[in-house]
Amino acid sequence: MCAYLLVAEDDRGQAEVLRRYLVAEGHETAVVHDGRTALERVRQRAPHLLVLDVMMPGLDGLSLCRILRRESDVPILMLTARSSENDLLTGLDLGADDYLTKPYSPRELLARTRALLRRSRGSTPVLTIGRIVVDTTRHEVSADGRPVECTPGEFALLAAMAAQPDRVFTRAQLLQHTNGVERDSIERTIDVHVLNLRRKIEPNPRRPSRLLTVYGLGYKLTAGPG
Protein backbone atom coordinates (compact mmCIF):
# COMPACT_ATOMS: atom_id res chain seq x y z
CA MET A 1 0.00 0.00 0.00
CA CYS A 2 2.20 2.82 -1.27
CA ALA A 3 1.13 6.33 -0.26
CA TYR A 4 2.29 9.92 0.06
CA LEU A 5 2.97 10.75 3.73
CA LEU A 6 3.88 14.04 5.37
CA VAL A 7 5.85 13.98 8.64
CA ALA A 8 5.70 17.15 10.77
CA GLU A 9 8.28 16.72 13.53
CA ASP A 10 10.53 19.43 14.99
CA ASP A 11 13.15 16.95 16.22
CA ARG A 12 15.23 16.61 13.07
CA GLY A 13 16.90 13.41 14.17
CA GLN A 14 13.60 11.75 14.98
CA ALA A 15 12.08 13.06 11.75
CA GLU A 16 14.88 11.47 9.72
CA VAL A 17 14.41 8.13 11.48
CA LEU A 18 10.68 8.24 10.66
CA ARG A 19 11.37 9.20 7.07
CA ARG A 20 13.75 6.28 6.56
CA TYR A 21 11.34 3.74 8.00
CA LEU A 22 8.42 5.05 5.94
CA VAL A 23 10.45 5.14 2.72
CA ALA A 24 11.61 1.59 3.39
CA GLU A 25 7.93 0.68 3.70
CA GLY A 26 7.49 1.97 0.15
CA HIS A 27 5.92 5.35 0.89
CA GLU A 28 6.78 8.67 -0.66
CA THR A 29 7.61 10.71 2.44
CA ALA A 30 8.12 14.45 2.92
CA VAL A 31 9.35 16.03 6.17
CA VAL A 32 8.78 19.49 7.68
CA HIS A 33 9.82 20.84 11.06
CA ASP A 34 7.21 23.41 12.03
CA GLY A 35 3.43 23.68 12.02
CA ARG A 36 3.05 26.56 9.59
CA THR A 37 5.12 24.84 6.93
CA ALA A 38 3.11 21.67 7.50
CA LEU A 39 -0.12 23.59 6.93
CA GLU A 40 1.23 25.06 3.69
CA ARG A 41 2.34 21.64 2.44
CA VAL A 42 -1.01 20.01 3.18
CA ARG A 43 -2.79 22.80 1.32
CA GLN A 44 -0.45 22.46 -1.63
CA ARG A 45 -0.73 18.68 -1.84
CA ALA A 46 -2.94 16.69 0.51
CA PRO A 47 -1.07 13.65 1.87
CA HIS A 48 -2.69 10.27 2.31
CA LEU A 49 -1.58 10.49 5.96
CA LEU A 50 -0.12 13.22 8.17
CA VAL A 51 2.20 12.14 11.00
CA LEU A 52 1.98 15.14 13.31
CA ASP A 53 4.07 15.98 16.37
CA VAL A 54 2.16 17.96 19.02
CA MET A 55 5.05 20.13 20.23
CA MET A 56 6.24 22.23 17.28
CA PRO A 57 7.35 25.85 16.91
CA GLY A 58 5.18 28.49 15.26
CA LEU A 59 2.00 26.46 15.18
CA ASP A 60 1.66 23.49 17.50
CA GLY A 61 0.18 20.17 16.41
CA LEU A 62 -3.11 20.59 18.26
CA SER A 63 -3.73 24.00 16.66
CA LEU A 64 -2.78 22.62 13.25
CA CYS A 65 -5.15 19.69 13.72
CA ARG A 66 -7.96 22.10 14.60
CA ILE A 67 -7.34 24.13 11.42
CA LEU A 68 -7.08 21.11 9.16
CA ARG A 69 -10.29 19.59 10.42
CA ARG A 70 -12.17 22.67 9.20
CA GLU A 71 -10.91 22.16 5.65
CA SER A 72 -9.64 18.60 5.20
CA ASP A 73 -10.33 14.98 6.14
CA VAL A 74 -6.67 13.92 5.82
CA PRO A 75 -5.94 11.08 8.28
CA ILE A 76 -3.81 12.34 11.19
CA LEU A 77 -1.55 10.29 13.45
CA MET A 78 -0.44 12.49 16.33
CA LEU A 79 2.88 12.04 18.16
CA THR A 80 3.47 13.47 21.62
CA ALA A 81 5.65 13.19 24.69
CA ARG A 82 2.59 13.91 26.77
CA SER A 83 0.93 10.89 28.30
CA SER A 84 -1.96 12.23 30.36
CA GLU A 85 -5.46 11.13 29.49
CA ASN A 86 -6.57 14.76 29.00
CA ASP A 87 -3.90 15.38 26.35
CA LEU A 88 -4.84 12.22 24.51
CA LEU A 89 -8.52 13.08 24.58
CA THR A 90 -7.86 16.64 23.42
CA GLY A 91 -6.08 15.42 20.31
CA LEU A 92 -8.80 12.92 19.50
CA ASP A 93 -11.55 15.49 20.16
CA LEU A 94 -9.87 17.85 17.70
CA GLY A 95 -10.09 15.19 15.00
CA ALA A 96 -6.88 13.17 15.18
CA ASP A 97 -7.45 9.64 13.94
CA ASP A 98 -4.88 8.00 16.19
CA TYR A 99 -2.37 8.92 18.89
CA LEU A 100 1.10 7.57 19.66
CA THR A 101 2.96 8.54 22.83
CA LYS A 102 6.73 8.94 22.86
CA PRO A 103 8.85 6.93 23.20
CA TYR A 104 7.44 4.49 20.67
CA SER A 105 8.90 1.77 18.49
CA PRO A 106 9.15 2.36 14.73
CA ARG A 107 7.41 -0.98 14.21
CA GLU A 108 4.41 0.25 16.17
CA LEU A 109 4.31 3.45 14.15
CA LEU A 110 4.38 1.47 10.90
CA ALA A 111 1.55 -0.73 12.14
CA ARG A 112 -0.52 2.34 12.98
CA THR A 113 0.13 3.94 9.59
CA ARG A 114 -0.90 0.76 7.79
CA ALA A 115 -4.13 0.60 9.76
CA LEU A 116 -4.98 4.25 9.09
CA LEU A 117 -4.24 3.93 5.38
CA ARG A 118 -6.40 0.82 5.12
CA ARG A 119 -9.20 2.58 6.97
CA SER A 120 -9.00 5.75 4.87
CA ARG A 121 -9.07 3.78 1.61
CA GLY A 122 -11.65 1.29 2.77
CA SER A 123 -14.53 3.46 1.56
CA THR A 124 -13.18 3.56 -2.01
CA PRO A 125 -12.41 -0.04 -2.99
CA VAL A 126 -13.16 0.74 -6.64
CA LEU A 127 -10.48 2.86 -8.30
CA THR A 128 -11.30 4.57 -11.60
CA ILE A 129 -8.63 6.09 -13.82
CA GLY A 130 -10.08 7.25 -17.11
CA ARG A 131 -11.61 4.13 -18.67
CA ILE A 132 -9.75 1.73 -16.40
CA VAL A 133 -11.57 0.39 -13.32
CA VAL A 134 -9.82 -1.58 -10.57
CA ASP A 135 -12.04 -3.22 -7.96
CA THR A 136 -9.70 -4.02 -5.07
CA THR A 137 -12.37 -5.93 -3.15
CA ARG A 138 -13.38 -8.30 -5.94
CA HIS A 139 -9.94 -8.33 -7.59
CA GLU A 140 -11.49 -7.36 -10.91
CA VAL A 141 -10.21 -5.06 -13.64
CA SER A 142 -11.94 -3.61 -16.67
CA ALA A 143 -10.70 -1.39 -19.48
CA ASP A 144 -12.95 0.39 -21.95
CA GLY A 145 -15.89 -1.51 -20.52
CA ARG A 146 -14.48 -5.00 -21.06
CA PRO A 147 -13.16 -7.34 -18.34
CA VAL A 148 -9.40 -7.81 -18.08
CA GLU A 149 -7.85 -10.98 -16.71
CA CYS A 150 -4.79 -10.24 -14.55
CA THR A 151 -2.32 -12.47 -12.76
CA PRO A 152 -1.92 -11.76 -9.02
CA GLY A 153 1.32 -9.91 -9.70
CA GLU A 154 -0.19 -7.79 -12.46
CA PHE A 155 -3.17 -6.95 -10.28
CA ALA A 156 -0.98 -5.95 -7.32
CA LEU A 157 1.06 -3.64 -9.56
CA LEU A 158 -1.99 -2.11 -11.24
CA ALA A 159 -3.85 -1.56 -7.95
CA ALA A 160 -0.85 0.20 -6.41
CA MET A 161 -0.55 2.57 -9.36
CA ALA A 162 -4.30 3.11 -9.65
CA ALA A 163 -4.39 4.31 -6.04
CA GLN A 164 -2.08 7.18 -7.03
CA PRO A 165 -2.64 8.16 -10.68
CA ASP A 166 0.16 10.11 -12.36
CA ARG A 167 2.65 9.28 -9.62
CA VAL A 168 5.94 7.89 -10.87
CA PHE A 169 6.82 4.56 -9.25
CA THR A 170 10.32 3.13 -9.37
CA ARG A 171 10.72 -0.56 -10.10
CA ALA A 172 11.88 -1.11 -6.52
CA GLN A 173 8.71 0.48 -5.16
CA LEU A 174 6.50 -1.60 -7.41
CA LEU A 175 8.46 -4.71 -6.49
CA GLN A 176 7.40 -4.26 -2.85
CA HIS A 177 3.77 -4.65 -3.91
CA THR A 178 4.31 -7.73 -6.05
CA ASN A 179 6.51 -9.38 -3.43
CA GLY A 180 3.39 -10.07 -1.42
CA VAL A 181 2.17 -12.47 -4.10
CA GLU A 182 5.42 -13.30 -5.90
CA ARG A 183 8.12 -13.85 -3.32
CA ASP A 184 10.89 -14.52 -5.82
CA SER A 185 10.22 -11.43 -7.94
CA ILE A 186 13.10 -9.29 -9.20
CA GLU A 187 12.98 -5.82 -10.72
CA ARG A 188 13.01 -7.32 -14.23
CA THR A 189 9.67 -8.93 -13.30
CA ILE A 190 8.13 -5.47 -13.15
CA ASP A 191 9.04 -4.80 -16.78
CA VAL A 192 7.40 -8.07 -17.79
CA HIS A 193 4.23 -7.20 -15.87
CA VAL A 194 4.12 -3.77 -17.50
CA LEU A 195 4.51 -5.29 -20.96
CA ASN A 196 1.67 -7.74 -20.29
CA LEU A 197 -0.59 -5.10 -18.76
CA ARG A 198 -0.13 -2.84 -21.78
CA ARG A 199 -1.40 -5.64 -24.01
CA LYS A 200 -4.50 -5.82 -21.84
CA ILE A 201 -5.38 -2.18 -21.03
CA GLU A 202 -3.89 -0.09 -23.84
CA PRO A 203 -5.83 0.82 -27.01
CA ASN A 204 -2.51 0.44 -28.83
CA PRO A 205 0.08 -1.49 -26.78
CA ARG A 206 2.88 -0.40 -29.12
CA ARG A 207 2.14 3.24 -28.34
CA PRO A 208 1.14 3.30 -24.66
CA SER A 209 -1.06 6.17 -23.53
CA ARG A 210 -2.05 4.90 -20.07
CA LEU A 211 0.77 2.89 -18.53
CA LEU A 212 3.71 5.11 -19.35
CA THR A 213 7.47 4.76 -19.01
CA VAL A 214 9.23 7.67 -17.31
CA TYR A 215 12.76 7.17 -18.56
CA GLY A 216 15.39 6.88 -15.89
CA LEU A 217 12.76 6.63 -13.14
CA GLY A 218 10.07 4.01 -13.63
CA TYR A 219 6.39 3.92 -14.59
CA LYS A 220 3.15 5.81 -14.01
CA LEU A 221 -0.52 5.18 -14.71
CA THR A 222 -2.59 7.95 -16.29
CA ALA A 223 -6.15 8.37 -17.51
CA GLY A 224 -4.98 8.30 -21.11
CA PRO A 225 -7.41 8.94 -24.00
CA GLY A 226 -11.11 9.23 -23.32
C-alpha atoms as a PDB file:
ATOM      1  CA  MET A   1       0.000   0.000   0.000  1.00  0.00           C
ATOM      2  CA  CYS A   2       2.204   2.822  -1.267  1.00  0.00           C
ATOM      3  CA  ALA A   3       1.130   6.333  -0.257  1.00  0.00           C
ATOM      4  CA  TYR A   4       2.288   9.924   0.062  1.00  0.00           C
ATOM      5  CA  LEU A   5       2.974  10.746   3.728  1.00  0.00           C
ATOM      6  CA  LEU A   6       3.884  14.040   5.371  1.00  0.00           C
ATOM      7  CA  VAL A   7       5.848  13.984   8.639  1.00  0.00           C
ATOM      8  CA  ALA A   8       5.697  17.147  10.766  1.00  0.00           C
ATOM      9  CA  GLU A   9       8.280  16.718  13.530  1.00  0.00           C
ATOM     10  CA  ASP A  10      10.534  19.433  14.994  1.00  0.00           C
ATOM     11  CA  ASP A  11      13.151  16.949  16.225  1.00  0.00           C
ATOM     12  CA  ARG A  12      15.228  16.612  13.068  1.00  0.00           C
ATOM     13  CA  GLY A  13      16.901  13.409  14.165  1.00  0.00           C
ATOM     14  CA  GLN A  14      13.598  11.746  14.977  1.00  0.00           C
ATOM     15  CA  ALA A  15      12.082  13.055  11.748  1.00  0.00           C
ATOM     16  CA  GLU A  16      14.875  11.468   9.719  1.00  0.00           C
ATOM     17  CA  VAL A  17      14.406   8.135  11.480  1.00  0.00           C
ATOM     18  CA  LEU A  18      10.683   8.241  10.664  1.00  0.00           C
ATOM     19  CA  ARG A  19      11.371   9.201   7.067  1.00  0.00           C
ATOM     20  CA  ARG A  20      13.746   6.277   6.555  1.00  0.00           C
ATOM     21  CA  TYR A  21      11.336   3.739   8.001  1.00  0.00           C
ATOM     22  CA  LEU A  22       8.421   5.051   5.940  1.00  0.00           C
ATOM     23  CA  VAL A  23      10.451   5.143   2.721  1.00  0.00           C
ATOM     24  CA  ALA A  24      11.611   1.585   3.394  1.00  0.00           C
ATOM     25  CA  GLU A  25       7.925   0.684   3.700  1.00  0.00           C
ATOM     26  CA  GLY A  26       7.490   1.970   0.149  1.00  0.00           C
ATOM     27  CA  HIS A  27       5.922   5.351   0.893  1.00  0.00           C
ATOM     28  CA  GLU A  28       6.782   8.671  -0.658  1.00  0.00           C
ATOM     29  CA  THR A  29       7.606  10.713   2.436  1.00  0.00           C
ATOM     30  CA  ALA A  30       8.121  14.450   2.922  1.00  0.00           C
ATOM     31  CA  VAL A  31       9.345  16.031   6.174  1.00  0.00           C
ATOM     32  CA  VAL A  32       8.780  19.491   7.676  1.00  0.00           C
ATOM     33  CA  HIS A  33       9.823  20.842  11.061  1.00  0.00           C
ATOM     34  CA  ASP A  34       7.212  23.407  12.029  1.00  0.00           C
ATOM     35  CA  GLY A  35       3.431  23.685  12.020  1.00  0.00           C
ATOM     36  CA  ARG A  36       3.052  26.557   9.593  1.00  0.00           C
ATOM     37  CA  THR A  37       5.123  24.838   6.928  1.00  0.00           C
ATOM     38  CA  ALA A  38       3.113  21.672   7.498  1.00  0.00           C
ATOM     39  CA  LEU A  39      -0.122  23.590   6.926  1.00  0.00           C
ATOM     40  CA  GLU A  40       1.230  25.061   3.686  1.00  0.00           C
ATOM     41  CA  ARG A  41       2.341  21.641   2.443  1.00  0.00           C
ATOM     42  CA  VAL A  42      -1.015  20.009   3.179  1.00  0.00           C
ATOM     43  CA  ARG A  43      -2.793  22.803   1.324  1.00  0.00           C
ATOM     44  CA  GLN A  44      -0.450  22.459  -1.632  1.00  0.00           C
ATOM     45  CA  ARG A  45      -0.734  18.676  -1.844  1.00  0.00           C
ATOM     46  CA  ALA A  46      -2.937  16.688   0.506  1.00  0.00           C
ATOM     47  CA  PRO A  47      -1.075  13.649   1.869  1.00  0.00           C
ATOM     48  CA  HIS A  48      -2.690  10.266   2.312  1.00  0.00           C
ATOM     49  CA  LEU A  49      -1.575  10.490   5.956  1.00  0.00           C
ATOM     50  CA  LEU A  50      -0.122  13.222   8.171  1.00  0.00           C
ATOM     51  CA  VAL A  51       2.205  12.141  10.996  1.00  0.00           C
ATOM     52  CA  LEU A  52       1.983  15.145  13.308  1.00  0.00           C
ATOM     53  CA  ASP A  53       4.069  15.981  16.366  1.00  0.00           C
ATOM     54  CA  VAL A  54       2.161  17.963  19.019  1.00  0.00           C
ATOM     55  CA  MET A  55       5.050  20.134  20.230  1.00  0.00           C
ATOM     56  CA  MET A  56       6.236  22.227  17.280  1.00  0.00           C
ATOM     57  CA  PRO A  57       7.346  25.848  16.905  1.00  0.00           C
ATOM     58  CA  GLY A  58       5.178  28.491  15.260  1.00  0.00           C
ATOM     59  CA  LEU A  59       1.996  26.463  15.179  1.00  0.00           C
ATOM     60  CA  ASP A  60       1.660  23.488  17.501  1.00  0.00           C
ATOM     61  CA  GLY A  61       0.179  20.168  16.409  1.00  0.00           C
ATOM     62  CA  LEU A  62      -3.112  20.587  18.261  1.00  0.00           C
ATOM     63  CA  SER A  63      -3.732  23.999  16.656  1.00  0.00           C
ATOM     64  CA  LEU A  64      -2.783  22.625  13.249  1.00  0.00           C
ATOM     65  CA  CYS A  65      -5.149  19.686  13.722  1.00  0.00           C
ATOM     66  CA  ARG A  66      -7.961  22.102  14.604  1.00  0.00           C
ATOM     67  CA  ILE A  67      -7.340  24.133  11.423  1.00  0.00           C
ATOM     68  CA  LEU A  68      -7.076  21.112   9.163  1.00  0.00           C
ATOM     69  CA  ARG A  69     -10.290  19.590  10.416  1.00  0.00           C
ATOM     70  CA  ARG A  70     -12.166  22.671   9.203  1.00  0.00           C
ATOM     71  CA  GLU A  71     -10.912  22.159   5.652  1.00  0.00           C
ATOM     72  CA  SER A  72      -9.641  18.600   5.201  1.00  0.00           C
ATOM     73  CA  ASP A  73     -10.326  14.979   6.139  1.00  0.00           C
ATOM     74  CA  VAL A  74      -6.670  13.923   5.821  1.00  0.00           C
ATOM     75  CA  PRO A  75      -5.937  11.075   8.278  1.00  0.00           C
ATOM     76  CA  ILE A  76      -3.806  12.336  11.190  1.00  0.00           C
ATOM     77  CA  LEU A  77      -1.552  10.287  13.450  1.00  0.00           C
ATOM     78  CA  MET A  78      -0.435  12.491  16.333  1.00  0.00           C
ATOM     79  CA  LEU A  79       2.878  12.038  18.158  1.00  0.00           C
ATOM     80  CA  THR A  80       3.470  13.466  21.621  1.00  0.00           C
ATOM     81  CA  ALA A  81       5.645  13.186  24.686  1.00  0.00           C
ATOM     82  CA  ARG A  82       2.588  13.914  26.774  1.00  0.00           C
ATOM     83  CA  SER A  83       0.925  10.893  28.305  1.00  0.00           C
ATOM     84  CA  SER A  84      -1.958  12.227  30.360  1.00  0.00           C
ATOM     85  CA  GLU A  85      -5.463  11.133  29.486  1.00  0.00           C
ATOM     86  CA  ASN A  86      -6.572  14.757  29.003  1.00  0.00           C
ATOM     87  CA  ASP A  87      -3.904  15.383  26.352  1.00  0.00           C
ATOM     88  CA  LEU A  88      -4.838  12.221  24.512  1.00  0.00           C
ATOM     89  CA  LEU A  89      -8.523  13.077  24.581  1.00  0.00           C
ATOM     90  CA  THR A  90      -7.860  16.640  23.423  1.00  0.00           C
ATOM     91  CA  GLY A  91      -6.079  15.420  20.314  1.00  0.00           C
ATOM     92  CA  LEU A  92      -8.805  12.923  19.502  1.00  0.00           C
ATOM     93  CA  ASP A  93     -11.550  15.486  20.159  1.00  0.00           C
ATOM     94  CA  LEU A  94      -9.871  17.851  17.702  1.00  0.00           C
ATOM     95  CA  GLY A  95     -10.095  15.191  15.000  1.00  0.00           C
ATOM     96  CA  ALA A  96      -6.877  13.172  15.177  1.00  0.00           C
ATOM     97  CA  ASP A  97      -7.454   9.637  13.941  1.00  0.00           C
ATOM     98  CA  ASP A  98      -4.883   7.998  16.189  1.00  0.00           C
ATOM     99  CA  TYR A  99      -2.370   8.922  18.889  1.00  0.00           C
ATOM    100  CA  LEU A 100       1.100   7.575  19.657  1.00  0.00           C
ATOM    101  CA  THR A 101       2.963   8.544  22.833  1.00  0.00           C
ATOM    102  CA  LYS A 102       6.734   8.943  22.864  1.00  0.00           C
ATOM    103  CA  PRO A 103       8.854   6.931  23.200  1.00  0.00           C
ATOM    104  CA  TYR A 104       7.439   4.491  20.666  1.00  0.00           C
ATOM    105  CA  SER A 105       8.900   1.770  18.489  1.00  0.00           C
ATOM    106  CA  PRO A 106       9.152   2.358  14.726  1.00  0.00           C
ATOM    107  CA  ARG A 107       7.411  -0.985  14.214  1.00  0.00           C
ATOM    108  CA  GLU A 108       4.414   0.254  16.173  1.00  0.00           C
ATOM    109  CA  LEU A 109       4.306   3.453  14.150  1.00  0.00           C
ATOM    110  CA  LEU A 110       4.382   1.472  10.897  1.00  0.00           C
ATOM    111  CA  ALA A 111       1.549  -0.730  12.136  1.00  0.00           C
ATOM    112  CA  ARG A 112      -0.516   2.344  12.985  1.00  0.00           C
ATOM    113  CA  THR A 113       0.133   3.944   9.590  1.00  0.00           C
ATOM    114  CA  ARG A 114      -0.905   0.756   7.790  1.00  0.00           C
ATOM    115  CA  ALA A 115      -4.133   0.602   9.764  1.00  0.00           C
ATOM    116  CA  LEU A 116      -4.978   4.246   9.088  1.00  0.00           C
ATOM    117  CA  LEU A 117      -4.238   3.930   5.378  1.00  0.00           C
ATOM    118  CA  ARG A 118      -6.399   0.818   5.119  1.00  0.00           C
ATOM    119  CA  ARG A 119      -9.196   2.577   6.973  1.00  0.00           C
ATOM    120  CA  SER A 120      -9.003   5.754   4.875  1.00  0.00           C
ATOM    121  CA  ARG A 121      -9.071   3.777   1.614  1.00  0.00           C
ATOM    122  CA  GLY A 122     -11.651   1.293   2.774  1.00  0.00           C
ATOM    123  CA  SER A 123     -14.534   3.461   1.561  1.00  0.00           C
ATOM    124  CA  THR A 124     -13.183   3.555  -2.011  1.00  0.00           C
ATOM    125  CA  PRO A 125     -12.411  -0.036  -2.995  1.00  0.00           C
ATOM    126  CA  VAL A 126     -13.163   0.740  -6.644  1.00  0.00           C
ATOM    127  CA  LEU A 127     -10.478   2.857  -8.303  1.00  0.00           C
ATOM    128  CA  THR A 128     -11.301   4.570 -11.599  1.00  0.00           C
ATOM    129  CA  ILE A 129      -8.627   6.094 -13.825  1.00  0.00           C
ATOM    130  CA  GLY A 130     -10.081   7.247 -17.110  1.00  0.00           C
ATOM    131  CA  ARG A 131     -11.606   4.130 -18.673  1.00  0.00           C
ATOM    132  CA  ILE A 132      -9.749   1.728 -16.399  1.00  0.00           C
ATOM    133  CA  VAL A 133     -11.573   0.390 -13.324  1.00  0.00           C
ATOM    134  CA  VAL A 134      -9.822  -1.579 -10.569  1.00  0.00           C
ATOM    135  CA  ASP A 135     -12.041  -3.221  -7.960  1.00  0.00           C
ATOM    136  CA  THR A 136      -9.696  -4.019  -5.071  1.00  0.00           C
ATOM    137  CA  THR A 137     -12.367  -5.934  -3.154  1.00  0.00           C
ATOM    138  CA  ARG A 138     -13.378  -8.302  -5.941  1.00  0.00           C
ATOM    139  CA  HIS A 139      -9.942  -8.329  -7.589  1.00  0.00           C
ATOM    140  CA  GLU A 140     -11.491  -7.360 -10.911  1.00  0.00           C
ATOM    141  CA  VAL A 141     -10.209  -5.061 -13.641  1.00  0.00           C
ATOM    142  CA  SER A 142     -11.939  -3.611 -16.674  1.00  0.00           C
ATOM    143  CA  ALA A 143     -10.699  -1.387 -19.485  1.00  0.00           C
ATOM    144  CA  ASP A 144     -12.949   0.387 -21.948  1.00  0.00           C
ATOM    145  CA  GLY A 145     -15.894  -1.508 -20.516  1.00  0.00           C
ATOM    146  CA  ARG A 146     -14.475  -4.996 -21.059  1.00  0.00           C
ATOM    147  CA  PRO A 147     -13.160  -7.343 -18.335  1.00  0.00           C
ATOM    148  CA  VAL A 148      -9.403  -7.806 -18.076  1.00  0.00           C
ATOM    149  CA  GLU A 149      -7.854 -10.975 -16.705  1.00  0.00           C
ATOM    150  CA  CYS A 150      -4.795 -10.236 -14.547  1.00  0.00           C
ATOM    151  CA  THR A 151      -2.321 -12.466 -12.759  1.00  0.00           C
ATOM    152  CA  PRO A 152      -1.925 -11.757  -9.024  1.00  0.00           C
ATOM    153  CA  GLY A 153       1.319  -9.909  -9.695  1.00  0.00           C
ATOM    154  CA  GLU A 154      -0.186  -7.792 -12.463  1.00  0.00           C
ATOM    155  CA  PHE A 155      -3.170  -6.949 -10.276  1.00  0.00           C
ATOM    156  CA  ALA A 156      -0.976  -5.947  -7.325  1.00  0.00           C
ATOM    157  CA  LEU A 157       1.055  -3.640  -9.561  1.00  0.00           C
ATOM    158  CA  LEU A 158      -1.987  -2.108 -11.243  1.00  0.00           C
ATOM    159  CA  ALA A 159      -3.854  -1.560  -7.950  1.00  0.00           C
ATOM    160  CA  ALA A 160      -0.851   0.198  -6.409  1.00  0.00           C
ATOM    161  CA  MET A 161      -0.548   2.569  -9.359  1.00  0.00           C
ATOM    162  CA  ALA A 162      -4.303   3.111  -9.649  1.00  0.00           C
ATOM    163  CA  ALA A 163      -4.391   4.313  -6.039  1.00  0.00           C
ATOM    164  CA  GLN A 164      -2.080   7.184  -7.025  1.00  0.00           C
ATOM    165  CA  PRO A 165      -2.640   8.162 -10.675  1.00  0.00           C
ATOM    166  CA  ASP A 166       0.155  10.108 -12.361  1.00  0.00           C
ATOM    167  CA  ARG A 167       2.645   9.280  -9.620  1.00  0.00           C
ATOM    168  CA  VAL A 168       5.944   7.885 -10.872  1.00  0.00           C
ATOM    169  CA  PHE A 169       6.823   4.559  -9.249  1.00  0.00           C
ATOM    170  CA  THR A 170      10.315   3.125  -9.370  1.00  0.00           C
ATOM    171  CA  ARG A 171      10.724  -0.563 -10.100  1.00  0.00           C
ATOM    172  CA  ALA A 172      11.884  -1.110  -6.525  1.00  0.00           C
ATOM    173  CA  GLN A 173       8.713   0.480  -5.157  1.00  0.00           C
ATOM    174  CA  LEU A 174       6.495  -1.599  -7.411  1.00  0.00           C
ATOM    175  CA  LEU A 175       8.456  -4.706  -6.489  1.00  0.00           C
ATOM    176  CA  GLN A 176       7.398  -4.264  -2.850  1.00  0.00           C
ATOM    177  CA  HIS A 177       3.767  -4.646  -3.913  1.00  0.00           C
ATOM    178  CA  THR A 178       4.308  -7.734  -6.051  1.00  0.00           C
ATOM    179  CA  ASN A 179       6.513  -9.382  -3.427  1.00  0.00           C
ATOM    180  CA  GLY A 180       3.394 -10.067  -1.418  1.00  0.00           C
ATOM    181  CA  VAL A 181       2.170 -12.468  -4.099  1.00  0.00           C
ATOM    182  CA  GLU A 182       5.416 -13.302  -5.905  1.00  0.00           C
ATOM    183  CA  ARG A 183       8.120 -13.853  -3.321  1.00  0.00           C
ATOM    184  CA  ASP A 184      10.895 -14.517  -5.821  1.00  0.00           C
ATOM    185  CA  SER A 185      10.225 -11.433  -7.938  1.00  0.00           C
ATOM    186  CA  ILE A 186      13.099  -9.289  -9.195  1.00  0.00           C
ATOM    187  CA  GLU A 187      12.985  -5.820 -10.717  1.00  0.00           C
ATOM    188  CA  ARG A 188      13.009  -7.318 -14.227  1.00  0.00           C
ATOM    189  CA  THR A 189       9.669  -8.935 -13.303  1.00  0.00           C
ATOM    190  CA  ILE A 190       8.128  -5.468 -13.152  1.00  0.00           C
ATOM    191  CA  ASP A 191       9.043  -4.800 -16.780  1.00  0.00           C
ATOM    192  CA  VAL A 192       7.400  -8.071 -17.791  1.00  0.00           C
ATOM    193  CA  HIS A 193       4.227  -7.202 -15.872  1.00  0.00           C
ATOM    194  CA  VAL A 194       4.117  -3.774 -17.501  1.00  0.00           C
ATOM    195  CA  LEU A 195       4.509  -5.290 -20.957  1.00  0.00           C
ATOM    196  CA  ASN A 196       1.671  -7.740 -20.292  1.00  0.00           C
ATOM    197  CA  LEU A 197      -0.595  -5.097 -18.762  1.00  0.00           C
ATOM    198  CA  ARG A 198      -0.126  -2.842 -21.781  1.00  0.00           C
ATOM    199  CA  ARG A 199      -1.397  -5.642 -24.009  1.00  0.00           C
ATOM    200  CA  LYS A 200      -4.503  -5.824 -21.838  1.00  0.00           C
ATOM    201  CA  ILE A 201      -5.382  -2.183 -21.033  1.00  0.00           C
ATOM    202  CA  GLU A 202      -3.895  -0.086 -23.841  1.00  0.00           C
ATOM    203  CA  PRO A 203      -5.829   0.818 -27.011  1.00  0.00           C
ATOM    204  CA  ASN A 204      -2.506   0.439 -28.830  1.00  0.00           C
ATOM    205  CA  PRO A 205       0.082  -1.492 -26.782  1.00  0.00           C
ATOM    206  CA  ARG A 206       2.884  -0.399 -29.125  1.00  0.00           C
ATOM    207  CA  ARG A 207       2.141   3.242 -28.342  1.00  0.00           C
ATOM    208  CA  PRO A 208       1.142   3.297 -24.657  1.00  0.00           C
ATOM    209  CA  SER A 209      -1.056   6.171 -23.528  1.00  0.00           C
ATOM    210  CA  ARG A 210      -2.052   4.895 -20.073  1.00  0.00           C
ATOM    211  CA  LEU A 211       0.769   2.886 -18.530  1.00  0.00           C
ATOM    212  CA  LEU A 212       3.715   5.105 -19.345  1.00  0.00           C
ATOM    213  CA  THR A 213       7.469   4.761 -19.009  1.00  0.00           C
ATOM    214  CA  VAL A 214       9.232   7.672 -17.305  1.00  0.00           C
ATOM    215  CA  TYR A 215      12.759   7.172 -18.563  1.00  0.00           C
ATOM    216  CA  GLY A 216      15.391   6.884 -15.889  1.00  0.00           C
ATOM    217  CA  LEU A 217      12.762   6.631 -13.141  1.00  0.00           C
ATOM    218  CA  GLY A 218      10.068   4.011 -13.632  1.00  0.00           C
ATOM    219  CA  TYR A 219       6.395   3.919 -14.593  1.00  0.00           C
ATOM    220  CA  LYS A 220       3.154   5.805 -14.012  1.00  0.00           C
ATOM    221  CA  LEU A 221      -0.522   5.180 -14.707  1.00  0.00           C
ATOM    222  CA  THR A 222      -2.590   7.954 -16.294  1.00  0.00           C
ATOM    223  CA  ALA A 223      -6.153   8.373 -17.510  1.00  0.00           C
ATOM    224  CA  GLY A 224      -4.977   8.302 -21.112  1.00  0.00           C
ATOM    225  CA  PRO A 225      -7.408   8.936 -23.997  1.00  0.00           C
ATOM    226  CA  GLY A 226     -11.112   9.229 -23.315  1.00  0.00           C
END
